[in-house]
Amino acid sequence: QVQLVESGGGLVQAGGSLRLSCAASGRTFSRYTMGWFRQAPGKERDFVAAINWSGSSTYYADSVKGRFTVSRDNAKNTVYLQMNSLKPEDTAVYYCATPSGPFGWGGTWLTEQEKGYDYWGQGTQVTVSS
């Protein structure tokens, strides 16, 4: 059974930084793409960033490009989201997610489509004050 547990959220002032972590268990972590999404109050869940199985390929939403960095440590079964220069509009619940299959294992495949992800964590709240 795949489990994803996010941590690292909190309250930060605009311009500050946070690092989110997502610990995975239940299967061979290193074979799977990982994604980060976020959902602000009253809004749909949006893509933030994705990383392929090895970490060699990453992709970001335009709204976070240049400020956020996604990375992974396959030895620790953990994916990270380093968030710098935070803005009030970054306030949301942040979720990590992973597909059901090892699509793209050995290559560079990843996806920003929510439908491409089947397992989700419970989310961690990030609040950025102005």
N, C-alpha and C. Protein backbone atom coordinates (compact mmCIF):
# COMPACT_ATOMS: atom_id res chain seq x y z
N GLN A 1 0.84 -1.18 0.00
CA GLN A 1 0.00 0.00 0.00
C GLN A 1 0.88 1.24 0.00
N VAL A 2 0.67 2.08 -0.99
CA VAL A 2 1.47 3.29 -1.11
C VAL A 2 0.97 4.34 -0.12
N GLN A 3 1.91 4.90 0.61
CA GLN A 3 1.58 6.00 1.52
C GLN A 3 2.52 7.17 1.27
N LEU A 4 1.95 8.35 1.28
CA LEU A 4 2.71 9.59 1.11
C LEU A 4 2.38 10.50 2.28
N VAL A 5 3.42 11.00 2.93
CA VAL A 5 3.21 11.86 4.10
C VAL A 5 4.02 13.13 3.93
N GLU A 6 3.30 14.25 3.81
CA GLU A 6 3.96 15.56 3.66
C GLU A 6 4.25 16.17 5.03
N SER A 7 5.27 17.00 5.06
CA SER A 7 5.59 17.76 6.25
C SER A 7 6.35 19.02 5.84
N GLY A 8 6.50 19.93 6.80
CA GLY A 8 7.29 21.12 6.55
C GLY A 8 6.50 22.38 6.30
N GLY A 9 5.18 22.28 6.25
CA GLY A 9 4.38 23.47 6.05
C GLY A 9 4.39 24.36 7.29
N GLY A 10 3.83 25.56 7.13
CA GLY A 10 3.77 26.47 8.25
C GLY A 10 3.43 27.87 7.81
N LEU A 11 3.63 28.80 8.73
CA LEU A 11 3.37 30.22 8.49
C LEU A 11 4.70 30.94 8.27
N VAL A 12 4.78 31.69 7.20
CA VAL A 12 6.01 32.41 6.88
C VAL A 12 5.64 33.77 6.30
N GLN A 13 6.52 34.74 6.49
CA GLN A 13 6.29 36.07 5.92
C GLN A 13 6.66 36.08 4.43
N ALA A 14 6.04 36.98 3.71
CA ALA A 14 6.37 37.14 2.30
C ALA A 14 7.87 37.37 2.14
N GLY A 15 8.44 36.72 1.14
CA GLY A 15 9.86 36.78 0.92
C GLY A 15 10.65 35.69 1.60
N GLY A 16 9.99 34.97 2.49
CA GLY A 16 10.65 33.90 3.23
C GLY A 16 10.71 32.59 2.46
N SER A 17 11.20 31.56 3.14
CA SER A 17 11.40 30.26 2.52
C SER A 17 10.85 29.15 3.40
N LEU A 18 10.46 28.06 2.76
CA LEU A 18 10.08 26.84 3.43
C LEU A 18 10.55 25.67 2.58
N ARG A 19 10.81 24.54 3.23
CA ARG A 19 11.09 23.32 2.50
C ARG A 19 10.09 22.25 2.91
N LEU A 20 9.33 21.79 1.94
CA LEU A 20 8.38 20.70 2.18
C LEU A 20 9.05 19.37 1.88
N SER A 21 8.65 18.36 2.64
CA SER A 21 9.12 17.01 2.43
C SER A 21 7.93 16.09 2.22
N CYS A 22 8.14 15.04 1.46
CA CYS A 22 7.12 14.03 1.25
C CYS A 22 7.80 12.67 1.35
N ALA A 23 7.49 11.94 2.41
CA ALA A 23 8.06 10.63 2.62
C ALA A 23 7.13 9.56 2.05
N ALA A 24 7.69 8.69 1.23
CA ALA A 24 6.90 7.65 0.56
C ALA A 24 7.24 6.28 1.12
N SER A 25 6.26 5.41 1.11
CA SER A 25 6.47 4.03 1.54
C SER A 25 5.51 3.13 0.79
N GLY A 26 5.82 1.83 0.81
CA GLY A 26 4.90 0.86 0.22
C GLY A 26 5.33 0.31 -1.11
N ARG A 27 6.37 0.88 -1.72
CA ARG A 27 6.87 0.33 -2.98
C ARG A 27 8.25 0.92 -3.23
N THR A 28 8.87 0.52 -4.35
CA THR A 28 10.22 0.99 -4.68
C THR A 28 10.16 2.43 -5.17
N PHE A 29 10.43 3.33 -4.27
CA PHE A 29 10.28 4.77 -4.52
C PHE A 29 11.04 5.24 -5.75
N SER A 30 12.23 4.71 -5.94
CA SER A 30 13.14 5.24 -6.96
C SER A 30 12.65 5.00 -8.39
N ARG A 31 11.59 4.25 -8.60
CA ARG A 31 11.11 3.97 -9.95
C ARG A 31 10.00 4.91 -10.41
N TYR A 32 9.56 5.81 -9.55
CA TYR A 32 8.33 6.54 -9.83
C TYR A 32 8.51 8.05 -9.89
N THR A 33 7.83 8.63 -10.86
CA THR A 33 7.69 10.08 -10.92
C THR A 33 6.96 10.59 -9.68
N MET A 34 7.32 11.78 -9.24
CA MET A 34 6.65 12.42 -8.12
C MET A 34 6.21 13.82 -8.53
N GLY A 35 5.09 14.24 -7.99
CA GLY A 35 4.59 15.57 -8.31
C GLY A 35 4.16 16.31 -7.05
N TRP A 36 4.15 17.64 -7.16
CA TRP A 36 3.62 18.51 -6.11
C TRP A 36 2.47 19.33 -6.71
N PHE A 37 1.40 19.42 -5.96
CA PHE A 37 0.24 20.21 -6.34
C PHE A 37 -0.15 21.08 -5.15
N ARG A 38 -0.99 22.06 -5.39
CA ARG A 38 -1.48 22.88 -4.29
C ARG A 38 -2.92 23.30 -4.55
N GLN A 39 -3.62 23.56 -3.45
CA GLN A 39 -5.01 23.98 -3.55
C GLN A 39 -5.26 25.11 -2.57
N ALA A 40 -5.58 26.28 -3.11
CA ALA A 40 -5.93 27.43 -2.29
C ALA A 40 -7.42 27.37 -1.96
N PRO A 41 -7.84 28.05 -0.89
CA PRO A 41 -9.25 28.03 -0.51
C PRO A 41 -10.16 28.49 -1.64
N GLY A 42 -11.17 27.70 -1.95
CA GLY A 42 -12.13 28.07 -2.97
C GLY A 42 -11.65 27.89 -4.39
N LYS A 43 -10.47 27.29 -4.55
CA LYS A 43 -9.92 27.12 -5.90
C LYS A 43 -9.65 25.65 -6.19
N GLU A 44 -9.45 25.36 -7.46
CA GLU A 44 -9.11 24.00 -7.86
C GLU A 44 -7.66 23.69 -7.50
N ARG A 45 -7.36 22.41 -7.45
CA ARG A 45 -5.99 21.99 -7.19
C ARG A 45 -5.16 22.22 -8.46
N ASP A 46 -3.99 22.82 -8.27
CA ASP A 46 -3.12 23.19 -9.39
C ASP A 46 -1.77 22.48 -9.30
N PHE A 47 -1.22 22.22 -10.45
CA PHE A 47 0.12 21.65 -10.53
C PHE A 47 1.16 22.67 -10.08
N VAL A 48 2.19 22.18 -9.37
CA VAL A 48 3.30 23.03 -8.94
C VAL A 48 4.61 22.59 -9.58
N ALA A 49 4.95 21.31 -9.40
CA ALA A 49 6.24 20.82 -9.89
C ALA A 49 6.20 19.30 -9.99
N ALA A 50 7.07 18.76 -10.83
CA ALA A 50 7.20 17.32 -10.97
C ALA A 50 8.66 16.96 -11.20
N ILE A 51 9.00 15.72 -10.83
CA ILE A 51 10.37 15.25 -10.98
C ILE A 51 10.32 13.79 -11.41
N ASN A 52 11.20 13.42 -12.32
CA ASN A 52 11.18 12.04 -12.80
C ASN A 52 11.87 11.12 -11.81
N TRP A 53 11.94 9.84 -12.12
CA TRP A 53 12.39 8.82 -11.19
C TRP A 53 13.80 9.07 -10.66
N SER A 54 14.67 9.60 -11.51
CA SER A 54 16.07 9.77 -11.11
C SER A 54 16.38 11.17 -10.62
N GLY A 55 15.49 12.11 -10.90
CA GLY A 55 15.77 13.50 -10.56
C GLY A 55 16.44 14.26 -11.70
N SER A 56 16.64 13.59 -12.83
CA SER A 56 17.33 14.23 -13.95
C SER A 56 16.43 15.16 -14.75
N SER A 57 15.12 15.03 -14.55
CA SER A 57 14.16 15.84 -15.29
C SER A 57 13.16 16.45 -14.32
N THR A 58 12.95 17.75 -14.44
CA THR A 58 11.99 18.45 -13.60
C THR A 58 11.14 19.38 -14.46
N TYR A 59 9.99 19.75 -13.92
CA TYR A 59 9.09 20.64 -14.65
C TYR A 59 8.32 21.46 -13.62
N TYR A 60 8.11 22.75 -13.94
CA TYR A 60 7.48 23.66 -12.98
C TYR A 60 6.33 24.43 -13.62
N ALA A 61 5.38 24.77 -12.80
CA ALA A 61 4.36 25.73 -13.22
C ALA A 61 5.03 27.09 -13.40
N ASP A 62 4.52 27.86 -14.33
CA ASP A 62 5.10 29.19 -14.58
C ASP A 62 5.09 30.06 -13.34
N SER A 63 4.07 29.88 -12.51
CA SER A 63 3.90 30.74 -11.34
C SER A 63 4.98 30.53 -10.28
N VAL A 64 5.70 29.40 -10.34
CA VAL A 64 6.71 29.13 -9.32
C VAL A 64 8.11 29.00 -9.90
N LYS A 65 8.21 29.03 -11.21
CA LYS A 65 9.50 28.86 -11.87
C LYS A 65 10.49 29.92 -11.40
N GLY A 66 11.69 29.46 -11.05
CA GLY A 66 12.71 30.37 -10.57
C GLY A 66 12.67 30.61 -9.07
N ARG A 67 11.57 30.19 -8.41
CA ARG A 67 11.45 30.37 -6.96
C ARG A 67 11.42 29.04 -6.22
N PHE A 68 10.82 28.04 -6.82
CA PHE A 68 10.68 26.71 -6.21
C PHE A 68 11.63 25.73 -6.89
N THR A 69 12.10 24.77 -6.10
CA THR A 69 12.96 23.72 -6.63
C THR A 69 12.50 22.37 -6.08
N VAL A 70 12.24 21.44 -6.99
CA VAL A 70 11.86 20.08 -6.58
C VAL A 70 13.10 19.19 -6.68
N SER A 71 13.26 18.32 -5.71
CA SER A 71 14.39 17.39 -5.70
C SER A 71 13.96 16.11 -4.99
N ARG A 72 14.79 15.09 -5.07
CA ARG A 72 14.46 13.84 -4.41
C ARG A 72 15.72 13.16 -3.91
N ASP A 73 15.54 12.37 -2.86
CA ASP A 73 16.60 11.54 -2.33
C ASP A 73 16.07 10.11 -2.32
N ASN A 74 16.45 9.35 -3.32
CA ASN A 74 15.90 8.00 -3.45
C ASN A 74 16.36 7.07 -2.32
N ALA A 75 17.49 7.38 -1.73
CA ALA A 75 17.96 6.56 -0.60
C ALA A 75 17.08 6.76 0.63
N LYS A 76 16.44 7.92 0.71
CA LYS A 76 15.57 8.24 1.84
C LYS A 76 14.08 8.16 1.49
N ASN A 77 13.78 7.76 0.26
CA ASN A 77 12.38 7.65 -0.19
C ASN A 77 11.62 8.95 0.03
N THR A 78 12.26 10.06 -0.28
CA THR A 78 11.69 11.36 0.02
C THR A 78 11.86 12.31 -1.16
N VAL A 79 10.81 13.09 -1.40
CA VAL A 79 10.86 14.16 -2.39
C VAL A 79 10.68 15.48 -1.64
N TYR A 80 11.35 16.51 -2.13
CA TYR A 80 11.36 17.81 -1.47
C TYR A 80 10.84 18.90 -2.40
N LEU A 81 10.33 19.95 -1.78
CA LEU A 81 9.98 21.16 -2.53
C LEU A 81 10.54 22.34 -1.75
N GLN A 82 11.62 22.90 -2.26
CA GLN A 82 12.22 24.09 -1.67
C GLN A 82 11.52 25.30 -2.24
N MET A 83 10.94 26.11 -1.36
CA MET A 83 10.17 27.27 -1.79
C MET A 83 10.82 28.53 -1.27
N ASN A 84 11.30 29.35 -2.18
CA ASN A 84 11.94 30.61 -1.84
C ASN A 84 11.12 31.79 -2.35
N SER A 85 11.42 32.97 -1.84
CA SER A 85 10.73 34.19 -2.26
C SER A 85 9.22 34.00 -2.25
N LEU A 86 8.73 33.47 -1.16
CA LEU A 86 7.31 33.16 -1.08
C LEU A 86 6.45 34.42 -1.13
N LYS A 87 5.28 34.25 -1.75
CA LYS A 87 4.32 35.33 -1.92
C LYS A 87 3.00 34.95 -1.25
N PRO A 88 2.19 35.91 -0.87
CA PRO A 88 0.88 35.57 -0.28
C PRO A 88 0.05 34.66 -1.19
N GLU A 89 0.19 34.81 -2.47
CA GLU A 89 -0.57 33.95 -3.40
C GLU A 89 -0.08 32.51 -3.44
N ASP A 90 1.00 32.21 -2.76
CA ASP A 90 1.46 30.82 -2.62
C ASP A 90 0.73 30.10 -1.49
N THR A 91 -0.08 30.82 -0.73
CA THR A 91 -0.83 30.21 0.36
C THR A 91 -1.78 29.15 -0.17
N ALA A 92 -1.64 27.92 0.38
CA ALA A 92 -2.43 26.80 -0.10
C ALA A 92 -2.09 25.57 0.73
N VAL A 93 -2.88 24.53 0.54
CA VAL A 93 -2.50 23.20 1.02
C VAL A 93 -1.69 22.55 -0.09
N TYR A 94 -0.52 22.05 0.26
CA TYR A 94 0.38 21.45 -0.71
C TYR A 94 0.32 19.93 -0.58
N TYR A 95 0.20 19.27 -1.73
CA TYR A 95 0.09 17.82 -1.78
C TYR A 95 1.21 17.24 -2.63
N CYS A 96 1.75 16.10 -2.20
CA CYS A 96 2.59 15.33 -3.11
C CYS A 96 1.77 14.18 -3.65
N ALA A 97 2.20 13.69 -4.81
CA ALA A 97 1.44 12.66 -5.49
C ALA A 97 2.37 11.83 -6.36
N THR A 98 1.89 10.62 -6.70
CA THR A 98 2.69 9.74 -7.54
C THR A 98 1.76 8.87 -8.40
N PRO A 99 2.20 8.49 -9.58
CA PRO A 99 1.35 7.63 -10.42
C PRO A 99 1.29 6.20 -9.91
N SER A 100 0.36 5.44 -10.46
CA SER A 100 0.21 4.06 -10.04
C SER A 100 1.30 3.16 -10.59
N GLY A 101 1.88 3.54 -11.74
CA GLY A 101 2.88 2.69 -12.36
C GLY A 101 4.20 3.40 -12.57
N PRO A 102 5.27 2.64 -12.81
CA PRO A 102 6.60 3.23 -13.02
C PRO A 102 6.77 3.75 -14.45
N PHE A 103 5.83 4.57 -14.88
CA PHE A 103 5.89 5.12 -16.22
C PHE A 103 7.13 5.99 -16.35
N GLY A 104 7.86 5.75 -17.41
CA GLY A 104 9.02 6.58 -17.62
C GLY A 104 10.27 6.14 -16.87
N TRP A 105 10.17 5.02 -16.16
CA TRP A 105 11.34 4.53 -15.43
C TRP A 105 12.46 4.27 -16.42
N GLY A 106 13.62 4.86 -16.18
CA GLY A 106 14.74 4.75 -17.10
C GLY A 106 14.80 5.89 -18.10
N GLY A 107 13.76 6.71 -18.13
CA GLY A 107 13.72 7.85 -19.05
C GLY A 107 13.47 9.14 -18.34
N THR A 108 12.89 10.09 -19.05
CA THR A 108 12.70 11.43 -18.51
C THR A 108 11.23 11.80 -18.35
N TRP A 109 10.34 10.84 -18.50
CA TRP A 109 8.91 11.15 -18.47
C TRP A 109 8.46 11.70 -17.14
N LEU A 110 7.61 12.70 -17.20
CA LEU A 110 6.89 13.19 -16.05
C LEU A 110 5.65 13.90 -16.59
N THR A 111 4.74 14.26 -15.72
CA THR A 111 3.52 14.91 -16.19
C THR A 111 3.05 15.97 -15.20
N GLU A 112 2.41 16.99 -15.75
CA GLU A 112 1.80 18.03 -14.92
C GLU A 112 0.29 17.81 -14.79
N GLN A 113 -0.21 16.76 -15.42
CA GLN A 113 -1.64 16.50 -15.41
C GLN A 113 -2.06 15.79 -14.11
N GLU A 114 -3.04 16.34 -13.45
CA GLU A 114 -3.50 15.75 -12.20
C GLU A 114 -3.98 14.32 -12.40
N LYS A 115 -4.58 14.05 -13.55
CA LYS A 115 -5.10 12.71 -13.82
C LYS A 115 -4.00 11.67 -13.96
N GLY A 116 -2.77 12.14 -14.09
CA GLY A 116 -1.65 11.22 -14.19
C GLY A 116 -1.16 10.69 -12.86
N TYR A 117 -1.75 11.18 -11.79
CA TYR A 117 -1.33 10.80 -10.43
C TYR A 117 -2.46 10.06 -9.73
N ASP A 118 -2.11 8.98 -9.06
CA ASP A 118 -3.12 8.12 -8.46
C ASP A 118 -3.06 8.06 -6.93
N TYR A 119 -1.91 8.33 -6.38
CA TYR A 119 -1.76 8.29 -4.93
C TYR A 119 -1.40 9.70 -4.45
N TRP A 120 -2.05 10.09 -3.36
CA TRP A 120 -1.91 11.45 -2.84
C TRP A 120 -1.66 11.43 -1.34
N GLY A 121 -0.88 12.40 -0.89
CA GLY A 121 -0.72 12.58 0.54
C GLY A 121 -1.89 13.35 1.12
N GLN A 122 -1.81 13.59 2.41
CA GLN A 122 -2.90 14.28 3.11
C GLN A 122 -2.79 15.79 3.02
N GLY A 123 -1.65 16.27 2.59
CA GLY A 123 -1.45 17.69 2.41
C GLY A 123 -0.83 18.37 3.61
N THR A 124 -0.15 19.47 3.36
CA THR A 124 0.43 20.30 4.42
C THR A 124 0.15 21.76 4.11
N GLN A 125 -0.28 22.50 5.11
CA GLN A 125 -0.70 23.89 4.91
C GLN A 125 0.51 24.82 4.86
N VAL A 126 0.53 25.66 3.85
CA VAL A 126 1.51 26.74 3.75
C VAL A 126 0.75 28.06 3.74
N THR A 127 1.10 28.93 4.67
CA THR A 127 0.45 30.24 4.75
C THR A 127 1.53 31.31 4.68
N VAL A 128 1.40 32.22 3.73
CA VAL A 128 2.35 33.29 3.54
C VAL A 128 1.67 34.61 3.87
N SER A 129 2.17 35.29 4.88
CA SER A 129 1.58 36.56 5.29
C SER A 129 2.26 37.72 4.58
N SER A 130 1.49 38.75 4.35
CA SER A 130 2.03 39.92 3.64
C SER A 130 2.60 40.94 4.59
